[in-house]
Protein backbone atom coordinates (compact mmCIF):
# COMPACT_ATOMS: atom_id res chain seq x y z
CA MET A 1 25.71 -8.62 12.37
CA ASP A 2 27.39 -5.62 10.27
CA ASN A 3 25.99 -2.59 9.04
CA THR A 4 25.47 -4.30 5.47
CA ASP A 5 22.88 -6.72 6.85
CA LYS A 6 20.85 -3.50 8.18
CA LYS A 7 18.74 -2.70 5.10
CA THR A 8 15.95 -0.54 5.37
CA LEU A 9 12.50 -1.52 4.84
CA TYR A 10 12.68 0.68 1.65
CA GLU A 11 15.48 -1.28 0.57
CA ARG A 12 14.35 -4.74 1.30
CA LEU A 13 10.97 -4.00 -0.62
CA GLY A 14 13.15 -3.36 -3.82
CA SER A 15 13.51 0.41 -3.63
CA VAL A 16 11.44 2.56 -5.88
CA ASP A 17 11.53 -0.09 -8.57
CA GLY A 18 10.40 -2.73 -6.37
CA ILE A 19 7.76 -0.82 -4.60
CA THR A 20 6.27 0.21 -7.97
CA ASN A 21 5.92 -3.36 -8.63
CA ILE A 22 4.39 -4.34 -5.51
CA VAL A 23 1.95 -1.15 -5.75
CA ASP A 24 0.96 -2.36 -9.29
CA ASP A 25 0.24 -5.80 -8.24
CA VAL A 26 -1.88 -4.37 -5.22
CA ILE A 27 -3.99 -2.20 -7.57
CA GLU A 28 -4.57 -4.98 -10.02
CA ALA A 29 -5.73 -7.39 -6.94
CA HIS A 30 -7.93 -4.66 -5.67
CA MET A 31 -9.53 -4.15 -9.16
CA THR A 32 -10.27 -7.98 -9.19
CA ASN A 33 -10.90 -8.66 -5.47
CA PRO A 34 -14.97 -9.13 -5.53
CA ASP A 35 -15.23 -7.71 -1.79
CA ILE A 36 -13.63 -4.33 -2.67
CA LYS A 37 -13.21 -3.82 -6.49
CA ALA A 38 -16.43 -1.42 -6.46
CA ARG A 39 -14.88 1.12 -4.51
CA PHE A 40 -11.56 0.65 -6.90
CA LEU A 41 -13.05 0.45 -10.26
CA PRO A 42 -14.32 3.81 -10.92
CA VAL A 43 -10.97 5.53 -10.19
CA LYS A 44 -9.84 3.18 -13.26
CA ASP A 45 -12.28 5.04 -15.33
CA ASP A 46 -10.59 8.46 -15.01
CA SER A 47 -6.90 7.66 -16.30
CA LYS A 48 -5.64 11.12 -15.01
CA HIS A 49 -6.96 10.57 -11.49
CA PHE A 50 -5.97 6.79 -11.38
CA GLU A 51 -2.07 7.70 -12.20
CA GLU A 52 -2.33 10.51 -9.74
CA VAL A 53 -3.66 7.78 -6.98
CA ARG A 54 -1.15 5.04 -8.08
CA GLN A 55 1.72 7.61 -7.83
CA HIS A 56 0.66 9.06 -4.39
CA THR A 57 0.36 5.21 -3.14
CA ILE A 58 4.01 4.57 -4.68
CA ASN A 59 5.41 7.72 -2.91
CA PHE A 60 3.31 6.59 0.51
CA PHE A 61 4.87 3.25 0.41
CA CYS A 62 8.54 4.38 -0.39
CA ALA A 63 8.33 7.47 2.35
CA GLY A 64 6.63 5.36 4.94
CA SER A 65 9.31 2.29 4.70
CA GLY A 66 12.59 4.92 4.95
CA GLY A 67 12.91 6.05 1.21
CA PRO A 68 14.07 9.22 -0.06
CA GLU A 69 10.60 9.95 -1.90
CA GLN A 70 8.22 12.50 -0.63
CA TYR A 71 4.83 11.90 0.04
CA GLY A 72 2.51 14.84 -1.00
CA GLY A 73 -1.04 13.42 -0.89
CA LYS A 74 -3.59 13.56 1.78
CA ASP A 75 -2.93 12.42 5.54
CA MET A 76 -4.74 8.93 6.03
CA PRO A 77 -8.00 10.20 7.84
CA ALA A 78 -8.47 13.28 5.10
CA ALA A 79 -7.93 10.45 2.21
CA HIS A 80 -10.50 8.16 3.74
CA ARG A 81 -12.96 10.25 5.42
CA GLY A 82 -16.72 9.63 4.39
CA MET A 83 -15.81 6.38 3.08
CA ASN A 84 -17.02 4.40 5.79
CA ILE A 85 -14.70 1.64 5.28
CA SER A 86 -15.24 -1.28 7.41
CA GLU A 87 -12.97 -3.86 9.09
CA GLY A 88 -13.61 -6.47 6.43
CA GLU A 89 -12.86 -4.25 3.48
CA TYR A 90 -9.67 -3.00 5.57
CA MET A 91 -8.77 -6.71 5.96
CA CYS A 92 -9.23 -7.30 2.31
CA VAL A 93 -7.04 -4.60 1.33
CA ILE A 94 -4.34 -6.18 3.59
CA ASP A 95 -4.79 -9.45 2.09
CA ASP A 96 -4.43 -8.21 -1.50
CA ILE A 97 -1.14 -6.43 -0.32
CA MET A 98 0.34 -9.59 1.63
CA THR A 99 -0.41 -11.48 -1.78
CA ALA A 100 1.63 -8.81 -3.67
CA LEU A 101 4.49 -9.11 -1.11
CA ASP A 102 4.50 -12.92 -1.72
CA LYS A 103 4.12 -12.47 -5.67
CA ASN A 104 7.44 -10.18 -5.44
CA LYS A 105 9.15 -12.57 -3.00
CA ILE A 106 9.47 -10.33 0.04
CA ASP A 107 11.13 -11.86 2.99
CA GLU A 108 8.83 -12.82 5.95
CA GLU A 109 10.73 -9.91 8.74
CA SER A 110 9.62 -7.36 5.74
CA LYS A 111 6.23 -8.84 5.19
CA LYS A 112 5.78 -8.38 9.19
CA ASP A 113 7.14 -4.83 9.48
CA VAL A 114 4.54 -4.05 6.39
CA LEU A 115 1.87 -5.67 8.37
CA ALA A 116 2.63 -3.98 11.27
CA ILE A 117 2.52 -0.46 9.51
CA LEU A 118 -0.70 -1.56 7.94
CA TYR A 119 -2.17 -2.53 11.25
CA SER A 120 -1.13 1.29 12.80
CA LEU A 121 -2.79 2.94 10.20
CA LYS A 122 -6.08 1.02 10.86
CA SER A 123 -8.15 3.65 13.28
CA SER A 124 -7.02 6.24 10.37
CA VAL A 125 -8.77 4.42 7.58
CA ILE A 126 -11.74 2.40 9.32
CA ARG A 127 -15.23 4.04 9.61
CA ILE A 128 -14.41 7.52 9.34
């Protein structure tokens, strides 16, 4: 295998443009997911806050997958503290992300890498 075959996860997700499309699909899925939409719909009512959350999410995905973008938002515990997110809700979020990856034709290896990252963040988000 030569070095051209060793793309970063960031590159495999389509760099900033691909990740932006994935994040937009995830947000849309969250807004319509009956199990978690109540947590997300209020954010949509404040367009400035919505765009800030969207951009933080894009930057988080980019930086976390090896891209050059910088994430300047809160760390995971600070961002989710007091929300008392259940394991079921967390799994709904993961399902929505995986569906968005499928919609964007992301390969299986990359989906497994994203899933591993999501599971590594679980204890920083659930029931805090």
